[in-house]
PDB file of all heavy atoms in Angstrom:
ATOM      1  N   PHE A   1     -12.405 -15.381  32.055  1.00  0.00           N
ATOM      2  CA  PHE A   1     -11.156 -16.127  31.992  1.00  0.00           C
ATOM      3  C   PHE A   1     -10.238 -15.495  30.958  1.00  0.00           C
ATOM      4  O   PHE A   1     -10.559 -15.457  29.785  1.00  0.00           O
ATOM      5  CB  PHE A   1     -11.425 -17.585  31.657  1.00  0.00           C
ATOM      6  CG  PHE A   1     -12.446 -18.221  32.568  1.00  0.00           C
ATOM      7  CD1 PHE A   1     -13.662 -18.646  31.994  1.00  0.00           C
ATOM      8  CD2 PHE A   1     -12.210 -18.402  33.884  1.00  0.00           C
ATOM      9  CE1 PHE A   1     -14.658 -19.190  32.825  1.00  0.00           C
ATOM     10  CE2 PHE A   1     -13.193 -18.979  34.688  1.00  0.00           C
ATOM     11  CZ  PHE A   1     -14.409 -19.376  34.182  1.00  0.00           C
ATOM     12  N   LYS A   2      -9.095 -15.021  31.461  1.00  0.00           N
ATOM     13  CA  LYS A   2      -8.119 -14.374  30.526  1.00  0.00           C
ATOM     14  C   LYS A   2      -7.134 -15.428  30.026  1.00  0.00           C
ATOM     15  O   LYS A   2      -5.957 -15.463  30.407  1.00  0.00           O
ATOM     16  CB  LYS A   2      -7.428 -13.214  31.246  1.00  0.00           C
ATOM     17  CG  LYS A   2      -8.309 -12.242  31.941  1.00  0.00           C
ATOM     18  CD  LYS A   2      -9.339 -11.604  30.999  1.00  0.00           C
ATOM     19  CE  LYS A   2     -10.185 -10.573  31.709  1.00  0.00           C
ATOM     20  NZ  LYS A   2     -11.188  -9.970  30.818  1.00  0.00           N
ATOM     21  N   THR A   3      -7.623 -16.290  29.125  1.00  0.00           N
ATOM     22  CA  THR A   3      -6.794 -17.324  28.591  1.00  0.00           C
ATOM     23  C   THR A   3      -6.820 -17.236  27.068  1.00  0.00           C
ATOM     24  O   THR A   3      -7.770 -16.682  26.510  1.00  0.00           O
ATOM     25  CB  THR A   3      -7.285 -18.725  29.016  1.00  0.00           C
ATOM     26  OG1 THR A   3      -8.514 -19.007  28.380  1.00  0.00           O
ATOM     27  CG2 THR A   3      -7.470 -18.809  30.543  1.00  0.00           C
ATOM     28  N   PRO A   4      -5.854 -17.812  26.400  1.00  0.00           N
ATOM     29  CA  PRO A   4      -5.844 -17.783  24.924  1.00  0.00           C
ATOM     30  C   PRO A   4      -7.122 -18.428  24.390  1.00  0.00           C
ATOM     31  O   PRO A   4      -7.664 -17.994  23.359  1.00  0.00           O
ATOM     32  CB  PRO A   4      -4.606 -18.620  24.552  1.00  0.00           C
ATOM     33  CG  PRO A   4      -3.676 -18.400  25.722  1.00  0.00           C
ATOM     34  CD  PRO A   4      -4.571 -18.368  26.905  1.00  0.00           C
ATOM     35  N   GLU A   5      -7.599 -19.502  25.014  1.00  0.00           N
ATOM     36  CA  GLU A   5      -8.759 -20.219  24.543  1.00  0.00           C
ATOM     37  C   GLU A   5     -10.015 -19.341  24.635  1.00  0.00           C
ATOM     38  O   GLU A   5     -10.828 -19.285  23.697  1.00  0.00           O
ATOM     39  CB  GLU A   5      -8.969 -21.533  25.293  1.00  0.00           C
ATOM     40  CG  GLU A   5     -10.087 -22.405  24.754  1.00  0.00           C
ATOM     41  CD  GLU A   5     -10.265 -23.692  25.509  1.00  0.00           C
ATOM     42  OE1 GLU A   5      -9.711 -23.842  26.630  1.00  0.00           O
ATOM     43  OE2 GLU A   5     -10.966 -24.589  25.024  1.00  0.00           O
ATOM     44  N   SER A   6     -10.207 -18.682  25.760  1.00  0.00           N
ATOM     45  CA  SER A   6     -11.385 -17.861  25.916  1.00  0.00           C
ATOM     46  C   SER A   6     -11.319 -16.576  25.008  1.00  0.00           C
ATOM     47  O   SER A   6     -12.294 -16.218  24.391  1.00  0.00           O
ATOM     48  CB  SER A   6     -11.541 -17.366  27.401  1.00  0.00           C
ATOM     49  OG  SER A   6     -10.368 -16.619  27.802  1.00  0.00           O
ATOM     50  N   THR A   7     -10.137 -15.985  24.933  1.00  0.00           N
ATOM     51  CA  THR A   7      -9.942 -14.838  24.051  1.00  0.00           C
ATOM     52  C   THR A   7     -10.168 -15.191  22.597  1.00  0.00           C
ATOM     53  O   THR A   7     -10.813 -14.456  21.872  1.00  0.00           O
ATOM     54  CB  THR A   7      -8.535 -14.251  24.242  1.00  0.00           C
ATOM     55  OG1 THR A   7      -8.321 -13.845  25.604  1.00  0.00           O
ATOM     56  CG2 THR A   7      -8.353 -13.019  23.356  1.00  0.00           C
ATOM     57  N   GLY A   8      -9.642 -16.313  22.182  1.00  0.00           N
ATOM     58  CA  GLY A   8      -9.835 -16.802  20.813  1.00  0.00           C
ATOM     59  C   GLY A   8     -11.246 -17.054  20.497  1.00  0.00           C
ATOM     60  O   GLY A   8     -11.741 -16.711  19.395  1.00  0.00           O
ATOM     61  N   THR A   9     -12.036 -17.596  21.432  1.00  0.00           N
ATOM     62  CA  THR A   9     -13.441 -17.875  21.214  1.00  0.00           C
ATOM     63  C   THR A   9     -14.209 -16.562  21.112  1.00  0.00           C
ATOM     64  O   THR A   9     -15.088 -16.467  20.299  1.00  0.00           O
ATOM     65  CB  THR A   9     -14.000 -18.726  22.361  1.00  0.00           C
ATOM     66  OG1 THR A   9     -13.237 -19.934  22.470  1.00  0.00           O
ATOM     67  CG2 THR A   9     -15.445 -19.088  22.124  1.00  0.00           C
ATOM     68  N   LEU A  10     -13.841 -15.578  21.959  1.00  0.00           N
ATOM     69  CA  LEU A  10     -14.546 -14.282  21.893  1.00  0.00           C
ATOM     70  C   LEU A  10     -14.291 -13.579  20.534  1.00  0.00           C
ATOM     71  O   LEU A  10     -15.210 -12.984  19.966  1.00  0.00           O
ATOM     72  CB  LEU A  10     -14.106 -13.386  23.035  1.00  0.00           C
ATOM     73  CG  LEU A  10     -14.539 -13.760  24.452  1.00  0.00           C
ATOM     74  CD1 LEU A  10     -13.827 -12.932  25.471  1.00  0.00           C
ATOM     75  CD2 LEU A  10     -16.060 -13.567  24.543  1.00  0.00           C
ATOM     76  N   ILE A  11     -13.098 -13.713  20.056  1.00  0.00           N
ATOM     77  CA  ILE A  11     -12.736 -13.112  18.751  1.00  0.00           C
ATOM     78  C   ILE A  11     -13.567 -13.825  17.646  1.00  0.00           C
ATOM     79  O   ILE A  11     -14.128 -13.149  16.748  1.00  0.00           O
ATOM     80  CB  ILE A  11     -11.224 -13.233  18.457  1.00  0.00           C
ATOM     81  CG1 ILE A  11     -10.447 -12.357  19.417  1.00  0.00           C
ATOM     82  CG2 ILE A  11     -10.951 -12.904  17.014  1.00  0.00           C
ATOM     83  CD1 ILE A  11      -8.948 -12.543  19.323  1.00  0.00           C
ATOM     84  N   LYS A  12     -13.689 -15.124  17.716  1.00  0.00           N
ATOM     85  CA  LYS A  12     -14.447 -15.844  16.772  1.00  0.00           C
ATOM     86  C   LYS A  12     -15.904 -15.450  16.783  1.00  0.00           C
ATOM     87  O   LYS A  12     -16.553 -15.328  15.748  1.00  0.00           O
ATOM     88  CB  LYS A  12     -14.340 -17.354  17.083  1.00  0.00           C
ATOM     89  CG  LYS A  12     -15.179 -18.243  16.163  1.00  0.00           C
ATOM     90  CD  LYS A  12     -15.083 -19.704  16.608  1.00  0.00           C
ATOM     91  CE  LYS A  12     -15.955 -20.613  15.756  1.00  0.00           C
ATOM     92  NZ  LYS A  12     -15.919 -22.022  16.215  1.00  0.00           N
ATOM     93  N   MET A  13     -16.418 -15.116  17.996  1.00  0.00           N
ATOM     94  CA  MET A  13     -17.831 -14.746  18.122  1.00  0.00           C
ATOM     95  C   MET A  13     -18.117 -13.324  17.633  1.00  0.00           C
ATOM     96  O   MET A  13     -19.324 -12.917  17.484  1.00  0.00           O
ATOM     97  CB  MET A  13     -18.303 -14.917  19.572  1.00  0.00           C
ATOM     98  CG  MET A  13     -18.259 -16.353  20.048  1.00  0.00           C
ATOM     99  SD  MET A  13     -18.783 -16.637  21.737  1.00  0.00           S
ATOM    100  CE  MET A  13     -20.612 -16.664  21.473  1.00  0.00           C
ATOM    101  N   LEU A  14     -17.067 -12.595  17.284  1.00  0.00           N
ATOM    102  CA  LEU A  14     -17.300 -11.260  16.647  1.00  0.00           C
ATOM    103  C   LEU A  14     -17.891 -11.453  15.273  1.00  0.00           C
ATOM    104  O   LEU A  14     -18.431 -10.520  14.671  1.00  0.00           O
ATOM    105  CB  LEU A  14     -15.969 -10.521  16.566  1.00  0.00           C
ATOM    106  CG  LEU A  14     -15.397 -10.025  17.868  1.00  0.00           C
ATOM    107  CD1 LEU A  14     -13.953  -9.470  17.642  1.00  0.00           C
ATOM    108  CD2 LEU A  14     -16.252  -8.946  18.452  1.00  0.00           C
ATOM    109  N   GLY A  15     -17.804 -12.670  14.722  1.00  0.00           N
ATOM    110  CA  GLY A  15     -18.389 -12.972  13.450  1.00  0.00           C
ATOM    111  C   GLY A  15     -19.712 -13.721  13.529  1.00  0.00           C
ATOM    112  O   GLY A  15     -20.201 -14.219  12.524  1.00  0.00           O
ATOM    113  N   ASP A  16     -20.275 -13.728  14.699  1.00  0.00           N
ATOM    114  CA  ASP A  16     -21.563 -14.443  14.885  1.00  0.00           C
ATOM    115  C   ASP A  16     -22.688 -13.783  14.005  1.00  0.00           C
ATOM    116  O   ASP A  16     -22.681 -12.552  13.842  1.00  0.00           O
ATOM    117  CB  ASP A  16     -21.976 -14.261  16.386  1.00  0.00           C
ATOM    118  CG  ASP A  16     -23.099 -15.228  16.720  1.00  0.00           C
ATOM    119  OD1 ASP A  16     -24.278 -14.890  16.479  1.00  0.00           O
ATOM    120  OD2 ASP A  16     -22.817 -16.316  17.239  1.00  0.00           O
ATOM    121  N   PRO A  17     -23.567 -14.571  13.514  1.00  0.00           N
ATOM    122  CA  PRO A  17     -24.625 -14.004  12.648  1.00  0.00           C
ATOM    123  C   PRO A  17     -25.627 -13.136  13.381  1.00  0.00           C
ATOM    124  O   PRO A  17     -26.380 -12.349  12.745  1.00  0.00           O
ATOM    125  CB  PRO A  17     -25.325 -15.276  12.087  1.00  0.00           C
ATOM    126  CG  PRO A  17     -24.947 -16.395  13.037  1.00  0.00           C
ATOM    127  CD  PRO A  17     -23.595 -16.045  13.511  1.00  0.00           C
ATOM    128  N   ASN A  18     -25.645 -13.223  14.703  1.00  0.00           N
ATOM    129  CA  ASN A  18     -26.557 -12.401  15.484  1.00  0.00           C
ATOM    130  C   ASN A  18     -25.892 -11.111  15.933  1.00  0.00           C
ATOM    131  O   ASN A  18     -24.849 -11.132  16.559  1.00  0.00           O
ATOM    132  CB  ASN A  18     -27.115 -13.168  16.692  1.00  0.00           C
ATOM    133  CG  ASN A  18     -28.095 -12.404  17.514  1.00  0.00           C
ATOM    134  OD1 ASN A  18     -27.758 -11.638  18.389  1.00  0.00           O
ATOM    135  ND2 ASN A  18     -29.388 -12.633  17.200  1.00  0.00           N
ATOM    136  N   LYS A  19     -26.571  -9.975  15.725  1.00  0.00           N
ATOM    137  CA  LYS A  19     -25.938  -8.643  16.026  1.00  0.00           C
ATOM    138  C   LYS A  19     -25.674  -8.505  17.523  1.00  0.00           C
ATOM    139  O   LYS A  19     -24.645  -8.023  17.931  1.00  0.00           O
ATOM    140  CB  LYS A  19     -26.861  -7.589  15.566  1.00  0.00           C
ATOM    141  CG  LYS A  19     -26.349  -6.141  15.767  1.00  0.00           C
ATOM    142  CD  LYS A  19     -27.303  -5.081  15.233  1.00  0.00           C
ATOM    143  CE  LYS A  19     -26.797  -3.668  15.533  1.00  0.00           C
ATOM    144  NZ  LYS A  19     -27.709  -2.645  14.997  1.00  0.00           N
ATOM    145  N   LEU A  20     -26.677  -8.926  18.349  1.00  0.00           N
ATOM    146  CA  LEU A  20     -26.492  -8.768  19.802  1.00  0.00           C
ATOM    147  C   LEU A  20     -25.295  -9.614  20.359  1.00  0.00           C
ATOM    148  O   LEU A  20     -24.572  -9.139  21.205  1.00  0.00           O
ATOM    149  CB  LEU A  20     -27.783  -9.157  20.530  1.00  0.00           C
ATOM    150  CG  LEU A  20     -27.814  -8.969  22.033  1.00  0.00           C
ATOM    151  CD1 LEU A  20     -27.563  -7.491  22.381  1.00  0.00           C
ATOM    152  CD2 LEU A  20     -29.151  -9.364  22.582  1.00  0.00           C
ATOM    153  N   VAL A  21     -25.118 -10.769  19.734  1.00  0.00           N
ATOM    154  CA  VAL A  21     -23.980 -11.588  20.111  1.00  0.00           C
ATOM    155  C   VAL A  21     -22.703 -10.903  19.784  1.00  0.00           C
ATOM    156  O   VAL A  21     -21.736 -10.832  20.514  1.00  0.00           O
ATOM    157  CB  VAL A  21     -24.084 -13.013  19.477  1.00  0.00           C
ATOM    158  CG1 VAL A  21     -22.801 -13.810  19.768  1.00  0.00           C
ATOM    159  CG2 VAL A  21     -25.314 -13.731  19.993  1.00  0.00           C
ATOM    160  N   ARG A  22     -22.624 -10.341  18.546  1.00  0.00           N
ATOM    161  CA  ARG A  22     -21.415  -9.641  18.082  1.00  0.00           C
ATOM    162  C   ARG A  22     -21.129  -8.444  18.985  1.00  0.00           C
ATOM    163  O   ARG A  22     -19.990  -8.242  19.391  1.00  0.00           O
ATOM    164  CB  ARG A  22     -21.580  -9.187  16.642  1.00  0.00           C
ATOM    165  CG  ARG A  22     -21.712 -10.297  15.593  1.00  0.00           C
ATOM    166  CD  ARG A  22     -21.489  -9.811  14.211  1.00  0.00           C
ATOM    167  NE  ARG A  22     -22.440  -8.763  13.844  1.00  0.00           N
ATOM    168  CZ  ARG A  22     -23.636  -8.962  13.265  1.00  0.00           C
ATOM    169  NH1 ARG A  22     -24.064 -10.211  13.056  1.00  0.00           N
ATOM    170  NH2 ARG A  22     -24.461  -7.946  12.924  1.00  0.00           N
ATOM    171  N   GLN A  23     -22.148  -7.712  19.348  1.00  0.00           N
ATOM    172  CA  GLN A  23     -21.934  -6.558  20.211  1.00  0.00           C
ATOM    173  C   GLN A  23     -21.475  -6.975  21.599  1.00  0.00           C
ATOM    174  O   GLN A  23     -20.608  -6.289  22.185  1.00  0.00           O
ATOM    175  CB  GLN A  23     -23.292  -5.781  20.330  1.00  0.00           C
ATOM    176  CG  GLN A  23     -23.696  -5.045  19.069  1.00  0.00           C
ATOM    177  CD  GLN A  23     -25.055  -4.390  19.209  1.00  0.00           C
ATOM    178  OE1 GLN A  23     -25.886  -4.762  19.998  1.00  0.00           O
ATOM    179  NE2 GLN A  23     -25.282  -3.374  18.359  1.00  0.00           N
ATOM    180  N   SER A  24     -21.989  -8.068  22.102  1.00  0.00           N
ATOM    181  CA  SER A  24     -21.585  -8.533  23.415  1.00  0.00           C
ATOM    182  C   SER A  24     -20.122  -8.998  23.416  1.00  0.00           C
ATOM    183  O   SER A  24     -19.378  -8.766  24.327  1.00  0.00           O
ATOM    184  CB  SER A  24     -22.458  -9.716  23.863  1.00  0.00           C
ATOM    185  OG  SER A  24     -23.822  -9.269  23.975  1.00  0.00           O
TER     186      SER A  24
END
């Protein structure tokens, strides 16, 4: 989904404590 909400959530997940999550 190319929406501000989905994009914003993906950006937030770049700071996830799990490396595999951040890479994904």
